[in-house]
Amino acid sequence: MAEAIGLGASIAGLATFGAQIVTNLRTYVSAYQRAEHKINDLSSDLALINSILTDLGASITKYEVKFHISPKNFIEAKATCERNFEKLSQALKEAKREDADTEGARKKGRKGNLGAWEKLKFALGGEIELKEFLLSIESSKSTLQLLLESFKLFILLRLYVGSRPCFPLDFSNPM
């Protein structure tokens, strides 16, 4: 049980990190006149993951001590989100550095024709790595949504069991 204490806060912290990534991604995209739909879709997916993490973190924080919530069901999903957020954070830093380098190249007469999506793709490691990253984001989104719904059902069942009377109510045989 000791390891469960703080799980909600840890997930809430991850949600905060996710919110920072979403903000950084949107700021990066806003620097381009016409942001690609792909980046906007990625940003929306990340915002949804962040929302689920926030809801899950708040729910766990509220009930983790009362119902002795074990973190084992949440560890892998949380670790995957952390890896995805960290990978995207590093890729955004790399893409922004590329923007700065491209701006310097333009001043020297060279062209930098890559759009935001292409720069992000190369910063993530290329086409294959980008596809794997996007699959991981989709998988995380689905897994977190399932965890959240399962957790809510668990809490509802525990609250229901806790609210039932200790003696059976049988009205068929009046005393």
Protein backbone atom coordinates (compact mmCIF):
# COMPACT_ATOMS: atom_id res chain seq x y z
CA MET A 1 0.00 0.00 0.00
CA ALA A 2 2.88 2.36 0.70
CA GLU A 3 3.77 2.40 -2.97
CA ALA A 4 0.20 3.35 -3.90
CA ILE A 5 0.36 6.56 -1.89
CA GLY A 6 1.31 9.29 -4.27
CA LEU A 7 0.32 7.41 -7.43
CA GLY A 8 -2.43 9.92 -8.15
CA ALA A 9 -0.03 12.80 -7.58
CA SER A 10 2.53 11.13 -9.84
CA ILE A 11 -0.03 10.73 -12.62
CA ALA A 12 -1.17 14.32 -12.09
CA GLY A 13 2.48 15.42 -12.44
CA LEU A 14 2.73 13.50 -15.69
CA ALA A 15 -0.42 15.28 -16.87
CA THR A 16 1.26 18.60 -16.11
CA PHE A 17 4.28 17.54 -18.18
CA GLY A 18 1.89 16.51 -20.97
CA ALA A 19 0.23 19.92 -20.85
CA GLN A 20 3.65 21.55 -21.28
CA ILE A 21 4.36 19.34 -24.31
CA VAL A 22 0.99 20.25 -25.87
CA THR A 23 1.71 23.96 -25.29
CA ASN A 24 5.22 23.63 -26.78
CA LEU A 25 3.88 21.76 -29.80
CA ARG A 26 1.16 24.34 -30.42
CA THR A 27 3.65 27.19 -30.00
CA TYR A 28 6.02 25.50 -32.45
CA VAL A 29 3.25 25.00 -35.01
CA SER A 30 2.00 28.57 -34.65
CA ALA A 31 5.33 29.79 -36.00
CA TYR A 32 4.28 28.39 -39.38
CA GLN A 33 1.71 30.20 -41.47
CA ARG A 34 -0.10 27.01 -42.43
CA ALA A 35 0.39 24.31 -39.87
CA GLU A 36 -0.13 20.84 -41.25
CA HIS A 37 -3.24 18.98 -40.18
CA LYS A 38 -1.05 16.10 -39.02
CA ILE A 39 0.56 18.21 -36.32
CA ASN A 40 -2.79 19.61 -35.26
CA ASP A 41 -4.12 16.03 -35.00
CA LEU A 42 -1.10 15.02 -32.92
CA SER A 43 -1.63 18.03 -30.69
CA SER A 44 -5.30 17.07 -30.22
CA ASP A 45 -4.34 13.47 -29.36
CA LEU A 46 -1.83 14.69 -26.81
CA ALA A 47 -4.38 17.09 -25.31
CA LEU A 48 -6.82 14.18 -24.95
CA ILE A 49 -4.15 12.04 -23.28
CA ASN A 50 -3.43 14.94 -20.96
CA SER A 51 -7.12 15.26 -20.11
CA ILE A 52 -7.40 11.53 -19.37
CA LEU A 53 -4.25 11.65 -17.21
CA THR A 54 -5.63 14.63 -15.29
CA ASP A 55 -8.95 12.85 -14.66
CA LEU A 56 -7.22 9.59 -13.75
CA GLY A 57 -4.76 11.34 -11.44
CA ALA A 58 -7.54 13.21 -9.64
CA SER A 59 -9.64 10.07 -9.27
CA ILE A 60 -6.78 7.99 -7.94
CA THR A 61 -5.71 10.74 -5.55
CA LYS A 62 -9.22 10.84 -4.13
CA TYR A 63 -9.51 7.07 -3.52
CA GLU A 64 -6.02 5.51 -3.44
CA VAL A 65 -5.73 5.39 0.36
CA LYS A 66 -9.37 4.60 1.10
CA PHE A 67 -9.50 1.61 -1.25
CA HIS A 68 -5.82 0.56 -1.11
CA ILE A 69 -5.28 1.13 -4.83
CA SER A 70 -2.31 -0.81 -6.19
CA PRO A 71 -0.16 1.00 -8.75
CA LYS A 72 0.67 -2.18 -10.69
CA ASN A 73 -2.11 -1.62 -13.24
CA PHE A 74 -0.97 1.91 -13.96
CA ILE A 75 2.84 1.58 -14.06
CA GLU A 76 3.26 0.50 -17.69
CA ALA A 77 0.74 3.00 -19.08
CA LYS A 78 2.37 5.79 -17.07
CA ALA A 79 5.86 4.75 -18.22
CA THR A 80 4.75 4.71 -21.87
CA CYS A 81 3.29 8.20 -21.55
CA GLU A 82 6.47 9.44 -19.90
CA ARG A 83 8.58 7.98 -22.74
CA ASN A 84 6.29 9.49 -25.39
CA PHE A 85 6.24 12.92 -23.74
CA GLU A 86 10.00 12.91 -23.25
CA LYS A 87 10.63 11.79 -26.83
CA LEU A 88 8.38 14.52 -28.22
CA SER A 89 9.89 17.12 -25.91
CA GLN A 90 13.37 16.30 -27.21
CA ALA A 91 12.13 16.23 -30.82
CA LEU A 92 10.55 19.67 -30.41
CA LYS A 93 13.82 21.04 -29.03
CA GLU A 94 15.64 19.55 -32.01
CA ALA A 95 13.09 20.92 -34.50
CA LYS A 96 13.35 24.39 -32.92
CA ARG A 97 17.15 24.20 -33.19
CA GLU A 98 16.67 23.24 -36.84
CA ASP A 99 14.46 26.31 -37.27
CA ALA A 100 17.18 28.51 -35.81
CA ASP A 101 19.79 26.89 -38.07
CA THR A 102 17.49 27.27 -41.10
CA GLU A 103 16.98 30.94 -40.32
CA GLY A 104 20.75 31.38 -40.28
CA ALA A 105 21.04 29.46 -43.57
CA ARG A 106 18.40 31.69 -45.19
CA LYS A 107 20.39 34.76 -44.23
CA LYS A 108 23.35 33.15 -45.97
CA GLY A 109 21.30 32.48 -49.11
CA ARG A 110 20.39 28.77 -48.58
CA LYS A 111 16.80 27.59 -48.48
CA GLY A 112 15.15 25.65 -45.72
CA ASN A 113 11.99 24.26 -47.31
CA LEU A 114 10.95 21.71 -44.72
CA GLY A 115 7.62 22.25 -43.02
CA ALA A 116 6.88 21.72 -39.36
CA TRP A 117 5.79 18.07 -39.83
CA GLU A 118 8.91 17.15 -41.80
CA LYS A 119 11.17 18.80 -39.24
CA LEU A 120 9.40 16.98 -36.44
CA LYS A 121 9.64 13.71 -38.38
CA PHE A 122 13.39 14.06 -38.79
CA ALA A 123 13.80 15.16 -35.18
CA LEU A 124 12.02 11.96 -34.09
CA GLY A 125 14.39 9.88 -36.22
CA GLY A 126 12.68 9.51 -39.58
CA GLU A 127 9.57 8.05 -41.18
CA ILE A 128 9.60 4.66 -39.43
CA GLU A 129 10.25 6.14 -36.00
CA LEU A 130 7.48 8.68 -36.55
CA LYS A 131 5.01 5.93 -37.43
CA GLU A 132 6.04 3.95 -34.34
CA PHE A 133 5.68 7.08 -32.21
CA LEU A 134 2.19 7.80 -33.56
CA LEU A 135 1.16 4.18 -32.92
CA SER A 136 2.44 4.48 -29.38
CA ILE A 137 0.42 7.67 -28.90
CA GLU A 138 -2.75 5.94 -30.18
CA SER A 139 -2.09 2.92 -27.99
CA SER A 140 -1.50 5.12 -24.94
CA LYS A 141 -4.70 7.02 -25.57
CA SER A 142 -6.75 3.80 -25.77
CA THR A 143 -5.04 2.18 -22.79
CA LEU A 144 -5.48 5.23 -20.60
CA GLN A 145 -9.14 5.55 -21.54
CA LEU A 146 -9.70 1.88 -20.67
CA LEU A 147 -7.84 2.31 -17.38
CA LEU A 148 -9.88 5.37 -16.50
CA GLU A 149 -13.19 3.68 -17.26
CA SER A 150 -12.14 0.51 -15.40
CA PHE A 151 -11.02 2.55 -12.43
CA LYS A 152 -14.29 4.48 -12.35
CA LEU A 153 -16.24 1.20 -12.45
CA PHE A 154 -14.06 -0.18 -9.65
CA ILE A 155 -14.74 2.89 -7.51
CA LEU A 156 -18.47 2.78 -8.20
CA LEU A 157 -18.59 -0.89 -7.20
CA ARG A 158 -16.58 -0.26 -4.05
CA LEU A 159 -18.79 2.68 -3.10
CA TYR A 160 -21.90 0.60 -3.78
CA VAL A 161 -20.67 -2.31 -1.64
CA GLY A 162 -19.71 0.13 1.11
CA SER A 163 -23.17 1.70 1.12
CA ARG A 164 -25.16 -1.54 1.39
CA PRO A 165 -26.73 -2.38 4.76
CA CYS A 166 -24.96 -5.01 6.84
CA PHE A 167 -28.13 -7.14 7.15
CA PRO A 168 -30.22 -8.51 4.30
CA LEU A 169 -33.49 -6.77 3.65
CA ASP A 170 -36.24 -9.32 3.16
CA PHE A 171 -39.70 -7.83 3.00
CA SER A 172 -41.41 -11.05 1.95
CA ASN A 173 -41.70 -12.33 5.53
CA PRO A 174 -42.92 -9.60 7.89
CA MET A 175 -42.16 -10.26 11.53
